[in-house]
PDB file of N, CA and C in Angstrom:
ATOM      1  N   MET A   1     124.995  94.067  95.614  1.00  0.00           N
ATOM      2  CA  MET A   1     126.064  95.031  95.420  1.00  0.00           C
ATOM      3  C   MET A   1     125.775  96.261  96.279  1.00  0.00           C
ATOM      4  N   THR A   2     126.775  96.761  96.950  1.00  0.00           N
ATOM      5  CA  THR A   2     126.614  97.942  97.789  1.00  0.00           C
ATOM      6  C   THR A   2     126.845  99.193  96.954  1.00  0.00           C
ATOM      7  N   PRO A   3     125.899 100.153  97.009  1.00  0.00           N
ATOM      8  CA  PRO A   3     126.077 101.389  96.238  1.00  0.00           C
ATOM      9  C   PRO A   3     127.295 102.168  96.719  1.00  0.00           C
ATOM     10  N   ASP A   4     127.972 102.839  95.784  1.00  0.00           N
ATOM     11  CA  ASP A   4     129.114 103.662  96.176  1.00  0.00           C
ATOM     12  C   ASP A   4     128.627 104.937  96.860  1.00  0.00           C
ATOM     13  N   THR A   5     129.575 105.665  97.436  1.00  0.00           N
ATOM     14  CA  THR A   5     129.236 106.865  98.206  1.00  0.00           C
ATOM     15  C   THR A   5     128.520 107.904  97.361  1.00  0.00           C
ATOM     16  N   ASN A   6     128.961 108.114  96.128  1.00  0.00           N
ATOM     17  CA  ASN A   6     128.332 109.099  95.258  1.00  0.00           C
ATOM     18  C   ASN A   6     126.875 108.723  94.977  1.00  0.00           C
ATOM     19  N   THR A   7     126.635 107.462  94.682  1.00  0.00           N
ATOM     20  CA  THR A   7     125.266 106.998  94.424  1.00  0.00           C
ATOM     21  C   THR A   7     124.404 107.160  95.664  1.00  0.00           C
ATOM     22  N   MET A   8     124.939 106.805  96.829  1.00  0.00           N
ATOM     23  CA  MET A   8     124.177 106.962  98.071  1.00  0.00           C
ATOM     24  C   MET A   8     123.840 108.426  98.321  1.00  0.00           C
ATOM     25  N   ASN A   9     124.765 109.333  98.024  1.00  0.00           N
ATOM     26  CA  ASN A   9     124.493 110.766  98.181  1.00  0.00           C
ATOM     27  C   ASN A   9     123.407 111.227  97.220  1.00  0.00           C
ATOM     28  N   GLN A  10     123.424 110.720  95.994  1.00  0.00           N
ATOM     29  CA  GLN A  10     122.393 111.075  95.018  1.00  0.00           C
ATOM     30  C   GLN A  10     121.024 110.558  95.465  1.00  0.00           C
ATOM     31  N   LEU A  11     120.989 109.323  95.921  1.00  0.00           N
ATOM     32  CA  LEU A  11     119.725 108.764  96.401  1.00  0.00           C
ATOM     33  C   LEU A  11     119.229 109.518  97.626  1.00  0.00           C
ATOM     34  N   ARG A  12     120.133 109.862  98.532  1.00  0.00           N
ATOM     35  CA  ARG A  12     119.753 110.631  99.724  1.00  0.00           C
ATOM     36  C   ARG A  12     119.159 111.983  99.324  1.00  0.00           C
ATOM     37  N   ALA A  13     119.749 112.650  98.334  1.00  0.00           N
ATOM     38  CA  ALA A  13     119.232 113.941  97.874  1.00  0.00           C
ATOM     39  C   ALA A  13     117.815 113.792  97.321  1.00  0.00           C
ATOM     40  N   ILE A  14     117.564 112.720  96.583  1.00  0.00           N
ATOM     41  CA  ILE A  14     116.228 112.480  96.024  1.00  0.00           C
ATOM     42  C   ILE A  14     115.224 112.205  97.141  1.00  0.00           C
ATOM     43  N   VAL A  15     115.596 111.354  98.080  1.00  0.00           N
ATOM     44  CA  VAL A  15     114.715 111.033  99.205  1.00  0.00           C
ATOM     45  C   VAL A  15     114.401 112.295 100.006  1.00  0.00           C
ATOM     46  N   ASP A  16     115.425 113.076 100.326  1.00  0.00           N
ATOM     47  CA  ASP A  16     115.215 114.308 101.091  1.00  0.00           C
ATOM     48  C   ASP A  16     114.338 115.294 100.331  1.00  0.00           C
ATOM     49  N   ALA A  17     114.551 115.415  99.014  1.00  0.00           N
ATOM     50  CA  ALA A  17     113.747 116.337  98.200  1.00  0.00           C
ATOM     51  C   ALA A  17     112.284 115.921  98.204  1.00  0.00           C
ATOM     52  N   ALA A  18     112.017 114.631  98.121  1.00  0.00           N
ATOM     53  CA  ALA A  18     110.633 114.145  98.162  1.00  0.00           C
ATOM     54  C   ALA A  18     110.003 114.460  99.516  1.00  0.00           C
ATOM     55  N   ARG A  19     110.737 114.204 100.569  1.00  0.00           N
ATOM     56  CA  ARG A  19     110.208 114.459 101.913  1.00  0.00           C
ATOM     57  C   ARG A  19     110.001 115.948 102.173  1.00  0.00           C
ATOM     58  N   GLU A  20     110.851 116.795 101.591  1.00  0.00           N
ATOM     59  CA  GLU A  20     110.685 118.249 101.758  1.00  0.00           C
ATOM     60  C   GLU A  20     109.333 118.712 101.230  1.00  0.00           C
ATOM     61  N   ARG A  21     108.804 118.022 100.242  1.00  0.00           N
ATOM     62  CA  ARG A  21     107.509 118.384  99.653  1.00  0.00           C
ATOM     63  C   ARG A  21     106.390 117.477 100.157  1.00  0.00           C
ATOM     64  N   ARG A  22     106.639 116.873 101.306  1.00  0.00           N
ATOM     65  CA  ARG A  22     105.657 116.081 102.040  1.00  0.00           C
ATOM     66  C   ARG A  22     105.215 114.794 101.344  1.00  0.00           C
ATOM     67  N   ALA A  23     106.083 114.243 100.497  1.00  0.00           N
ATOM     68  CA  ALA A  23     105.801 112.913  99.952  1.00  0.00           C
ATOM     69  C   ALA A  23     105.860 111.919 101.106  1.00  0.00           C
ATOM     70  N   GLU A  24     105.061 110.886 101.020  1.00  0.00           N
ATOM     71  CA  GLU A  24     104.981 109.899 102.092  1.00  0.00           C
ATOM     72  C   GLU A  24     105.527 108.555 101.630  1.00  0.00           C
ATOM     73  N   ASP A  25     105.864 107.725 102.598  1.00  0.00           N
ATOM     74  CA  ASP A  25     106.282 106.342 102.353  1.00  0.00           C
ATOM     75  C   ASP A  25     107.338 106.258 101.250  1.00  0.00           C
ATOM     76  N   VAL A  26     108.418 107.013 101.428  1.00  0.00           N
ATOM     77  CA  VAL A  26     109.497 107.040 100.433  1.00  0.00           C
ATOM     78  C   VAL A  26     110.321 105.757 100.581  1.00  0.00           C
ATOM     79  N   THR A  27     110.395 104.995  99.500  1.00  0.00           N
ATOM     80  CA  THR A  27     111.074 103.699  99.495  1.00  0.00           C
ATOM     81  C   THR A  27     112.113 103.673  98.386  1.00  0.00           C
ATOM     82  N   VAL A  28     113.299 103.151  98.689  1.00  0.00           N
ATOM     83  CA  VAL A  28     114.355 103.010  97.685  1.00  0.00           C
ATOM     84  C   VAL A  28     114.638 101.523  97.495  1.00  0.00           C
ATOM     85  N   LEU A  29     114.518 101.060  96.246  1.00  0.00           N
ATOM     86  CA  LEU A  29     114.803  99.668  95.907  1.00  0.00           C
ATOM     87  C   LEU A  29     116.114  99.588  95.143  1.00  0.00           C
ATOM     88  N   ASP A  30     116.993  98.707  95.580  1.00  0.00           N
ATOM     89  CA  ASP A  30     118.253  98.430  94.893  1.00  0.00           C
ATOM     90  C   ASP A  30     117.996  97.262  93.943  1.00  0.00           C
ATOM     91  N   LEU A  31     117.976  97.551  92.650  1.00  0.00           N
ATOM     92  CA  LEU A  31     117.648  96.551  91.634  1.00  0.00           C
ATOM     93  C   LEU A  31     118.879  95.925  90.997  1.00  0.00           C
ATOM     94  N   THR A  32     120.066  96.275  91.465  1.00  0.00           N
ATOM     95  CA  THR A  32     121.292  95.860  90.778  1.00  0.00           C
ATOM     96  C   THR A  32     121.470  94.345  90.730  1.00  0.00           C
ATOM     97  N   ASP A  33     120.925  93.626  91.691  1.00  0.00           N
ATOM     98  CA  ASP A  33     121.060  92.164  91.690  1.00  0.00           C
ATOM     99  C   ASP A  33     119.903  91.449  91.002  1.00  0.00           C
ATOM    100  N   VAL A  34     118.854  92.187  90.624  1.00  0.00           N
ATOM    101  CA  VAL A  34     117.670  91.542  90.041  1.00  0.00           C
ATOM    102  C   VAL A  34     117.314  92.049  88.647  1.00  0.00           C
ATOM    103  N   SER A  35     118.041  93.041  88.143  1.00  0.00           N
ATOM    104  CA  SER A  35     117.767  93.590  86.813  1.00  0.00           C
ATOM    105  C   SER A  35     119.081  93.874  86.095  1.00  0.00           C
ATOM    106  N   SER A  36     119.099  93.604  84.813  1.00  0.00           N
ATOM    107  CA  SER A  36     120.312  93.890  84.037  1.00  0.00           C
ATOM    108  C   SER A  36     120.296  95.299  83.455  1.00  0.00           C
ATOM    109  N   THR A  37     119.155  95.987  83.526  1.00  0.00           N
ATOM    110  CA  THR A  37     119.055  97.315  82.913  1.00  0.00           C
ATOM    111  C   THR A  37     118.758  98.435  83.899  1.00  0.00           C
ATOM    112  N   LEU A  38     118.213  98.127  85.062  1.00  0.00           N
ATOM    113  CA  LEU A  38     117.847  99.146  86.041  1.00  0.00           C
ATOM    114  C   LEU A  38     118.719  99.015  87.279  1.00  0.00           C
ATOM    115  N   GLU A  39     118.958 100.150  87.949  1.00  0.00           N
ATOM    116  CA  GLU A  39     119.764 100.114  89.166  1.00  0.00           C
ATOM    117  C   GLU A  39     118.953 100.430  90.422  1.00  0.00           C
ATOM    118  N   TYR A  40     118.236 101.561  90.421  1.00  0.00           N
ATOM    119  CA  TYR A  40     117.518 101.972  91.628  1.00  0.00           C
ATOM    120  C   TYR A  40     116.158 102.547  91.277  1.00  0.00           C
ATOM    121  N   PHE A  41     115.150 102.176  92.070  1.00  0.00           N
ATOM    122  CA  PHE A  41     113.836 102.805  92.039  1.00  0.00           C
ATOM    123  C   PHE A  41     113.679 103.588  93.331  1.00  0.00           C
ATOM    124  N   VAL A  42     113.164 104.803  93.219  1.00  0.00           N
ATOM    125  CA  VAL A  42     112.693 105.545  94.380  1.00  0.00           C
ATOM    126  C   VAL A  42     111.193 105.679  94.174  1.00  0.00           C
ATOM    127  N   ILE A  43     110.419 105.205  95.133  1.00  0.00           N
ATOM    128  CA  ILE A  43     108.962 105.214  95.030  1.00  0.00           C
ATOM    129  C   ILE A  43     108.427 106.020  96.200  1.00  0.00           C
ATOM    130  N   CYS A  44     107.509 106.950  95.905  1.00  0.00           N
ATOM    131  CA  CYS A  44     106.918 107.737  96.983  1.00  0.00           C
ATOM    132  C   CYS A  44     105.465 108.051  96.658  1.00  0.00           C
ATOM    133  N   THR A  45     104.734 108.439  97.686  1.00  0.00           N
ATOM    134  CA  THR A  45     103.308 108.710  97.559  1.00  0.00           C
ATOM    135  C   THR A  45     103.046 110.198  97.741  1.00  0.00           C
ATOM    136  N   ALA A  46     102.233 110.747  96.832  1.00  0.00           N
ATOM    137  CA  ALA A  46     101.767 112.136  96.923  1.00  0.00           C
ATOM    138  C   ALA A  46     100.239 112.106  96.920  1.00  0.00           C
ATOM    139  N   THR A  47      99.629 113.137  97.472  1.00  0.00           N
ATOM    140  CA  THR A  47      98.179 113.112  97.648  1.00  0.00           C
ATOM    141  C   THR A  47      97.391 113.459  96.391  1.00  0.00           C
ATOM    142  N   ALA A  48      97.918 114.312  95.520  1.00  0.00           N
ATOM    143  CA  ALA A  48      97.156 114.743  94.342  1.00  0.00           C
ATOM    144  C   ALA A  48      98.099 115.329  93.300  1.00  0.00           C
ATOM    145  N   GLY A  49      97.526 115.735  92.163  1.00  0.00           N
ATOM    146  CA  GLY A  49      98.307 116.242  91.046  1.00  0.00           C
ATOM    147  C   GLY A  49      99.220 117.402  91.386  1.00  0.00           C
ATOM    148  N   LEU A  50      98.742 118.360  92.167  1.00  0.00           N
ATOM    149  CA  LEU A  50      99.580 119.506  92.524  1.00  0.00           C
ATOM    150  C   LEU A  50     100.793 119.065  93.333  1.00  0.00           C
ATOM    151  N   GLN A  51     100.587 118.155  94.263  1.00  0.00           N
ATOM    152  CA  GLN A  51     101.716 117.679  95.060  1.00  0.00           C
ATOM    153  C   GLN A  51     102.653 116.823  94.211  1.00  0.00           C
ATOM    154  N   LEU A  52     102.111 116.023  93.297  1.00  0.00           N
ATOM    155  CA  LEU A  52     102.959 115.243  92.388  1.00  0.00           C
ATOM    156  C   LEU A  52     103.943 116.166  91.684  1.00  0.00           C
ATOM    157  N   ASN A  53     103.436 117.275  91.159  1.00  0.00           N
ATOM    158  CA  ASN A  53     104.294 118.220  90.439  1.00  0.00           C
ATOM    159  C   ASN A  53     105.297 118.900  91.358  1.00  0.00           C
ATOM    160  N   ALA A  54     104.872 119.278  92.552  1.00  0.00           N
ATOM    161  CA  ALA A  54     105.789 119.926  93.493  1.00  0.00           C
ATOM    162  C   ALA A  54     106.920 118.979  93.886  1.00  0.00           C
ATOM    163  N   VAL A  55     106.591 117.721  94.113  1.00  0.00           N
ATOM    164  CA  VAL A  55     107.607 116.732  94.479  1.00  0.00           C
ATOM    165  C   VAL A  55     108.585 116.538  93.330  1.00  0.00           C
ATOM    166  N   GLN A  56     108.078 116.368  92.106  1.00  0.00           N
ATOM    167  CA  GLN A  56     108.980 116.120  90.978  1.00  0.00           C
ATOM    168  C   GLN A  56     109.858 117.319  90.676  1.00  0.00           C
ATOM    169  N   GLU A  57     109.341 118.526  90.813  1.00  0.00           N
ATOM    170  CA  GLU A  57     110.168 119.713  90.573  1.00  0.00           C
ATOM    171  C   GLU A  57     111.310 119.794  91.586  1.00  0.00           C
ATOM    172  N   ASN A  58     111.012 119.518  92.850  1.00  0.00           N
ATOM    173  CA  ASN A  58     112.050 119.576  93.878  1.00  0.00           C
ATOM    174  C   ASN A  58     113.083 118.466  93.682  1.00  0.00           C
ATOM    175  N   ILE A  59     112.627 117.287  93.318  1.00  0.00           N
ATOM    176  CA  ILE A  59     113.557 116.185  93.064  1.00  0.00           C
ATOM    177  C   ILE A  59     114.468 116.521  91.891  1.00  0.00           C
ATOM    178  N   ARG A  60     113.907 117.041  90.810  1.00  0.00           N
ATOM    179  CA  ARG A  60     114.724 117.391  89.637  1.00  0.00           C
ATOM    180  C   ARG A  60     115.822 118.373  90.013  1.00  0.00           C
ATOM    181  N   GLU A  61     115.438 119.409  90.757  1.00  0.00           N
ATOM    182  CA  GLU A  61     116.401 120.444  91.153  1.00  0.00           C
ATOM    183  C   GLU A  61     117.510 119.867  92.031  1.00  0.00           C
ATOM    184  N   LYS A  62     117.132 119.127  93.069  1.00  0.00           N
ATOM    185  CA  LYS A  62     118.119 118.602  94.025  1.00  0.00           C
ATOM    186  C   LYS A  62     118.984 117.511  93.393  1.00  0.00           C
ATOM    187  N   ALA A  63     118.403 116.686  92.539  1.00  0.00           N
ATOM    188  CA  ALA A  63     119.159 115.596  91.913  1.00  0.00           C
ATOM    189  C   ALA A  63     120.206 116.133  90.945  1.00  0.00           C
ATOM    190  N   GLN A  64     119.839 117.137  90.171  1.00  0.00           N
ATOM    191  CA  GLN A  64     120.797 117.701  89.220  1.00  0.00           C
ATOM    192  C   GLN A  64     121.969 118.353  89.941  1.00  0.00           C
ATOM    193  N   ALA A  65     121.734 118.862  91.137  1.00  0.00           N
ATOM    194  CA  ALA A  65     122.822 119.462  91.915  1.00  0.00           C
ATOM    195  C   ALA A  65     123.838 118.408  92.360  1.00  0.00           C
ATOM    196  N   THR A  66     123.454 117.127  92.353  1.00  0.00           N
ATOM    197  CA  THR A  66     124.374 116.051  92.744  1.00  0.00           C
ATOM    198  C   THR A  66     125.112 115.466  91.546  1.00  0.00           C
ATOM    199  N   GLY A  67     124.817 115.965  90.352  1.00  0.00           N
ATOM    200  CA  GLY A  67     125.493 115.457  89.161  1.00  0.00           C
ATOM    201  C   GLY A  67     124.691 114.472  88.342  1.00  0.00           C
ATOM    202  N   LEU A  68     123.476 114.148  88.778  1.00  0.00           N
ATOM    203  CA  LEU A  68     122.634 113.284  87.953  1.00  0.00           C
ATOM    204  C   LEU A  68     122.222 114.043  86.694  1.00  0.00           C
ATOM    205  N   PRO A  69     122.044 113.346  85.573  1.00  0.00           N
ATOM    206  CA  PRO A  69     121.639 114.032  84.347  1.00  0.00           C
ATOM    207  C   PRO A  69     120.203 114.541  84.450  1.00  0.00           C
ATOM    208  N   ARG A  70     119.868 115.435  83.549  1.00  0.00           N
ATOM    209  CA  ARG A  70     118.486 115.922  83.481  1.00  0.00           C
ATOM    210  C   ARG A  70     117.578 114.719  83.202  1.00  0.00           C
ATOM    211  N   PRO A  71     116.516 114.549  83.985  1.00  0.00           N
ATOM    212  CA  PRO A  71     115.688 113.356  83.803  1.00  0.00           C
ATOM    213  C   PRO A  71     114.708 113.499  82.644  1.00  0.00           C
ATOM    214  N   SER A  72     114.338 112.371  82.082  1.00  0.00           N
ATOM    215  CA  SER A  72     113.179 112.366  81.196  1.00  0.00           C
ATOM    216  C   SER A  72     111.971 112.157  82.099  1.00  0.00           C
ATOM    217  N   VAL A  73     110.869 112.816  81.763  1.00  0.00           N
ATOM    218  CA  VAL A  73     109.673 112.765  82.600  1.00  0.00           C
ATOM    219  C   VAL A  73     108.562 112.084  81.814  1.00  0.00           C
ATOM    220  N   GLU A  74     108.005 111.048  82.394  1.00  0.00           N
ATOM    221  CA  GLU A  74     106.850 110.367  81.815  1.00  0.00           C
ATOM    222  C   GLU A  74     105.625 110.861  82.555  1.00  0.00           C
ATOM    223  N   GLY A  75     104.609 111.154  81.854  1.00  0.00           N
ATOM    224  CA  GLY A  75     103.415 111.764  82.423  1.00  0.00           C
ATOM    225  C   GLY A  75     103.171 113.008  81.601  1.00  0.00           C
ATOM    226  N   PRO A  76     102.682 114.060  82.067  1.00  0.00           N
ATOM    227  CA  PRO A  76     102.157 114.162  83.423  1.00  0.00           C
ATOM    228  C   PRO A  76     100.839 113.407  83.562  1.00  0.00           C
ATOM    229  N   SER A  77     100.581 113.015  84.764  1.00  0.00           N
ATOM    230  CA  SER A  77      99.359 112.301  85.090  1.00  0.00           C
ATOM    231  C   SER A  77      98.907 112.788  86.452  1.00  0.00           C
ATOM    232  N   GLU A  78      97.649 112.645  86.709  1.00  0.00           N
ATOM    233  CA  GLU A  78      97.131 113.017  88.027  1.00  0.00           C
ATOM    234  C   GLU A  78      97.406 111.925  89.054  1.00  0.00           C
ATOM    235  N   ARG A  79      97.923 110.770  88.583  1.00  0.00           N
ATOM    236  CA  ARG A  79      98.121 109.638  89.483  1.00  0.00           C
ATOM    237  C   ARG A  79      99.569 109.178  89.597  1.00  0.00           C
ATOM    238  N   TRP A  80     100.403 109.470  88.573  1.00  0.00           N
ATOM    239  CA  TRP A  80     101.741 108.876  88.562  1.00  0.00           C
ATOM    240  C   TRP A  80     102.648 109.703  87.672  1.00  0.00           C
ATOM    241  N   LEU A  81     103.777 110.098  88.195  1.00  0.00           N
ATOM    242  CA  LEU A  81     104.836 110.728  87.407  1.00  0.00           C
ATOM    243  C   LEU A  81     106.088 109.881  87.549  1.00  0.00           C
ATOM    244  N   LEU A  82     106.817 109.756  86.462  1.00  0.00           N
ATOM    245  CA  LEU A  82     108.048 108.978  86.465  1.00  0.00           C
ATOM    246  C   LEU A  82     109.175 109.869  85.988  1.00  0.00           C
ATOM    247  N   LEU A  83     110.261 109.902  86.736  1.00  0.00           N
ATOM    248  CA  LEU A  83     111.466 110.619  86.332  1.00  0.00           C
ATOM    249  C   LEU A  83     112.575 109.594  86.147  1.00  0.00           C
ATOM    250  N   ALA A  84     113.157 109.551  84.961  1.00  0.00           N
ATOM    251  CA  ALA A  84     114.237 108.604  84.675  1.00  0.00           C
ATOM    252  C   ALA A  84     115.541 109.369  84.521  1.00  0.00           C
ATOM    253  N   PHE A  85     116.451 109.157  85.454  1.00  0.00           N
ATOM    254  CA  PHE A  85     117.775 109.776  85.416  1.00  0.00           C
ATOM    255  C   PHE A  85     118.721 108.795  84.737  1.00  0.00           C
ATOM    256  N   GLY A  86     118.683 108.765  83.407  1.00  0.00           N
ATOM    257  CA  GLY A  86     119.456 107.767  82.675  1.00  0.00           C
ATOM    258  C   GLY A  86     118.950 106.388  83.058  1.00  0.00           C
ATOM    259  N   GLY A  87     119.824 105.420  83.111  1.00  0.00           N
ATOM    260  CA  GLY A  87     119.416 104.085  83.528  1.00  0.00           C
ATOM    261  C   GLY A  87     119.673 103.821  84.989  1.00  0.00           C
ATOM    262  N   SER A  88     120.252 104.810  85.671  1.00  0.00           N
ATOM    263  CA  SER A  88     120.679 104.534  87.041  1.00  0.00           C
ATOM    264  C   SER A  88     119.572 104.689  88.078  1.00  0.00           C
ATOM    265  N   VAL A  89     118.792 105.749  87.999  1.00  0.00           N
ATOM    266  CA  VAL A  89     117.769 106.009  89.010  1.00  0.00           C
ATOM    267  C   VAL A  89     116.456 106.349  88.315  1.00  0.00           C
ATOM    268  N   VAL A  90     115.397 105.662  88.725  1.00  0.00           N
ATOM    269  CA  VAL A  90     114.051 105.958  88.240  1.00  0.00           C
ATOM    270  C   VAL A  90     113.200 106.281  89.458  1.00  0.00           C
ATOM    271  N   VAL A  91     112.537 107.440  89.415  1.00  0.00           N
ATOM    272  CA  VAL A  91     111.701 107.889  90.524  1.00  0.00           C
ATOM    273  C   VAL A  91     110.241 107.771  90.109  1.00  0.00           C
ATOM    274  N   HIS A  92     109.445 107.125  90.956  1.00  0.00           N
ATOM    275  CA  HIS A  92     108.009 106.980  90.743  1.00  0.00           C
ATOM    276  C   HIS A  92     107.304 107.783  91.828  1.00  0.00           C
ATOM    277  N   ILE A  93     106.554 108.805  91.419  1.00  0.00           N
ATOM    278  CA  ILE A  93     105.767 109.606  92.356  1.00  0.00           C
ATOM    279  C   ILE A  93     104.317 109.267  92.052  1.00  0.00           C
ATOM    280  N   MET A  94     103.637 108.657  93.011  1.00  0.00           N
ATOM    281  CA  MET A  94     102.323 108.086  92.752  1.00  0.00           C
ATOM    282  C   MET A  94     101.322 108.495  93.822  1.00  0.00           C
ATOM    283  N   THR A  95     100.044 108.543  93.425  1.00  0.00           N
ATOM    284  CA  THR A  95      99.002 108.675  94.434  1.00  0.00           C
ATOM    285  C   THR A  95      98.897 107.342  95.172  1.00  0.00           C
ATOM    286  N   LYS A  96      98.245 107.363  96.308  1.00  0.00           N
ATOM    287  CA  LYS A  96      98.102 106.140  97.098  1.00  0.00           C
ATOM    288  C   LYS A  96      97.387 105.056  96.293  1.00  0.00           C
ATOM    289  N   ASP A  97      96.305 105.423  95.599  1.00  0.00           N
ATOM    290  CA  ASP A  97      95.553 104.443  94.805  1.00  0.00           C
ATOM    291  C   ASP A  97      96.417 103.828  93.713  1.00  0.00           C
ATOM    292  N   ALA A  98      97.173 104.652  93.001  1.00  0.00           N
ATOM    293  CA  ALA A  98      98.035 104.145  91.926  1.00  0.00           C
ATOM    294  C   ALA A  98      99.124 103.244  92.503  1.00  0.00           C
ATOM    295  N   ARG A  99      99.672 103.637  93.625  1.00  0.00           N
ATOM    296  CA  ARG A  99     100.742 102.836  94.228  1.00  0.00           C
ATOM    297  C   ARG A  99     100.223 101.462  94.655  1.00  0.00           C
ATOM    298  N   GLU A 100      99.039 101.439  95.227  1.00  0.00           N
ATOM    299  CA  GLU A 100      98.455 100.156  95.621  1.00  0.00           C
ATOM    300  C   GLU A 100      98.110  99.315  94.392  1.00  0.00           C
ATOM    301  N   TYR A 101      97.581  99.946  93.350  1.00  0.00           N
ATOM    302  CA  TYR A 101      97.168  99.224  92.145  1.00  0.00           C
ATOM    303  C   TYR A 101      98.362  98.603  91.415  1.00  0.00           C
ATOM    304  N   TYR A 102      99.418  99.395  91.200  1.00  0.00           N
ATOM    305  CA  TYR A 102     100.568  98.908  90.433  1.00  0.00           C
ATOM    306  C   TYR A 102     101.543  98.081  91.272  1.00  0.00           C
ATOM    307  N   ASP A 103     101.564  98.286  92.574  1.00  0.00           N
ATOM    308  CA  ASP A 103     102.349  97.487  93.519  1.00  0.00           C
ATOM    309  C   ASP A 103     103.771  97.207  93.031  1.00  0.00           C
ATOM    310  N   LEU A 104     104.512  98.274  92.760  1.00  0.00           N
ATOM    311  CA  LEU A 104     105.885  98.107  92.281  1.00  0.00           C
ATOM    312  C   LEU A 104     106.762  97.368  93.286  1.00  0.00           C
ATOM    313  N   GLU A 105     106.539  97.624  94.562  1.00  0.00           N
ATOM    314  CA  GLU A 105     107.321  96.914  95.577  1.00  0.00           C
ATOM    315  C   GLU A 105     107.059  95.411  95.505  1.00  0.00           C
ATOM    316  N   GLY A 106     105.824  95.028  95.223  1.00  0.00           N
ATOM    317  CA  GLY A 106     105.498  93.612  95.072  1.00  0.00           C
ATOM    318  C   GLY A 106     106.104  93.016  93.813  1.00  0.00           C
ATOM    319  N   LEU A 107     106.044  93.775  92.715  1.00  0.00           N
ATOM    320  CA  LEU A 107     106.619  93.299  91.455  1.00  0.00           C
ATOM    321  C   LEU A 107     108.129  93.112  91.566  1.00  0.00           C
ATOM    322  N   TRP A 108     108.767  93.960  92.365  1.00  0.00           N
ATOM    323  CA  TRP A 108     110.215  93.909  92.541  1.00  0.00           C
ATOM    324  C   TRP A 108     110.567  93.428  93.947  1.00  0.00           C
ATOM    325  N   SER A 109     109.821  92.462  94.451  1.00  0.00           N
ATOM    326  CA  SER A 109     110.009  92.012  95.837  1.00  0.00           C
ATOM    327  C   SER A 109     111.368  91.354  96.085  1.00  0.00           C
ATOM    328  N   ASP A 110     112.057  90.943  95.025  1.00  0.00           N
ATOM    329  CA  ASP A 110     113.395  90.370  95.193  1.00  0.00           C
ATOM    330  C   ASP A 110     114.469  91.442  95.374  1.00  0.00           C
ATOM    331  N   ALA A 111     114.113  92.695  95.146  1.00  0.00           N
ATOM    332  CA  ALA A 111     115.080  93.789  95.284  1.00  0.00           C
ATOM    333  C   ALA A 111     115.327  94.082  96.761  1.00  0.00           C
ATOM    334  N   ARG A 112     116.519  94.574  97.034  1.00  0.00           N
ATOM    335  CA  ARG A 112     116.876  94.973  98.396  1.00  0.00           C
ATOM    336  C   ARG A 112     116.338  96.379  98.646  1.00  0.00           C
ATOM    337  N   VAL A 113     115.754  96.598  99.819  1.00  0.00           N
ATOM    338  CA  VAL A 113     115.266  97.919 100.214  1.00  0.00           C
ATOM    339  C   VAL A 113     116.395  98.634 100.946  1.00  0.00           C
ATOM    340  N   LEU A 114     116.729  99.840 100.471  1.00  0.00           N
ATOM    341  CA  LEU A 114     117.762 100.647 101.124  1.00  0.00           C
ATOM    342  C   LEU A 114     117.101 101.560 102.141  1.00  0.00           C
ATOM    343  N   ASP A 115     117.724 101.700 103.279  1.00  0.00           N
ATOM    344  CA  ASP A 115     117.156 102.481 104.371  1.00  0.00           C
ATOM    345  C   ASP A 115     117.719 103.898 104.370  1.00  0.00           C
ATOM    346  N   PHE A 116     116.824 104.862 104.311  1.00  0.00           N
ATOM    347  CA  PHE A 116     117.189 106.273 104.418  1.00  0.00           C
ATOM    348  C   PHE A 116     116.311 106.884 105.509  1.00  0.00           C
ATOM    349  N   PRO A 117     116.708 106.719 106.780  1.00  0.00           N
ATOM    350  CA  PRO A 117     115.875 107.235 107.862  1.00  0.00           C
ATOM    351  C   PRO A 117     115.741 108.748 107.797  1.00  0.00           C
ATOM    352  N   GLU A 118     114.605 109.209 108.287  1.00  0.00           N
ATOM    353  CA  GLU A 118     114.404 110.656 108.353  1.00  0.00           C
ATOM    354  C   GLU A 118     115.316 111.219 109.430  1.00  0.00           C
ATOM    355  N   PRO A 119     115.861 112.426 109.179  1.00  0.00           N
ATOM    356  CA  PRO A 119     116.724 113.039 110.197  1.00  0.00           C
ATOM    357  C   PRO A 119     115.942 113.288 111.484  1.00  0.00           C
ATOM    358  N   GLU A 120     116.634 113.139 112.593  1.00  0.00           N
ATOM    359  CA  GLU A 120     115.996 113.406 113.878  1.00  0.00           C
ATOM    360  C   GLU A 120     115.750 114.894 114.025  1.00  0.00           C
ATOM    361  N   VAL A 121     114.574 115.226 114.540  1.00  0.00           N
ATOM    362  CA  VAL A 121     114.222 116.622 114.777  1.00  0.00           C
ATOM    363  C   VAL A 121     114.645 116.969 116.197  1.00  0.00           C
ATOM    364  N   LYS A 122     115.468 118.011 116.314  1.00  0.00           N
ATOM    365  CA  LYS A 122     115.930 118.431 117.639  1.00  0.00           C
ATOM    366  C   LYS A 122     114.939 119.426 118.221  1.00  0.00           C
ATOM    367  N   ALA A 123     114.619 119.212 119.481  1.00  0.00           N
ATOM    368  CA  ALA A 123     113.650 120.077 120.154  1.00  0.00           C
ATOM    369  C   ALA A 123     114.281 121.367 120.591  1.00  0.00           C
TER     370      ALA A 123
END
């Protein structure tokens, strides 16, 4: 299923917010064809607890501006924070070690990966 324009804008805002706080390897999984309860995962890597918090705060702010509901936050943890925006979007902010250990992309390998390229930097 192809996400509608509003959903794509919400996902883009989350991806951009994560990148603004230097999150790495930001990946969006479309779960609509492989799960009856989940729609989208956004998974990104942060280096440590302080960055985990900075990324989640920026995502919360930018996502709510797009009309997403206030998220429930699981954690806090020094390795993994989860923000659940209702059932539609779940954001996983993880350290590199946690991301490799839990391998969410592997667990959800049947999901389609949505591409959100980084904006080109003009010289």
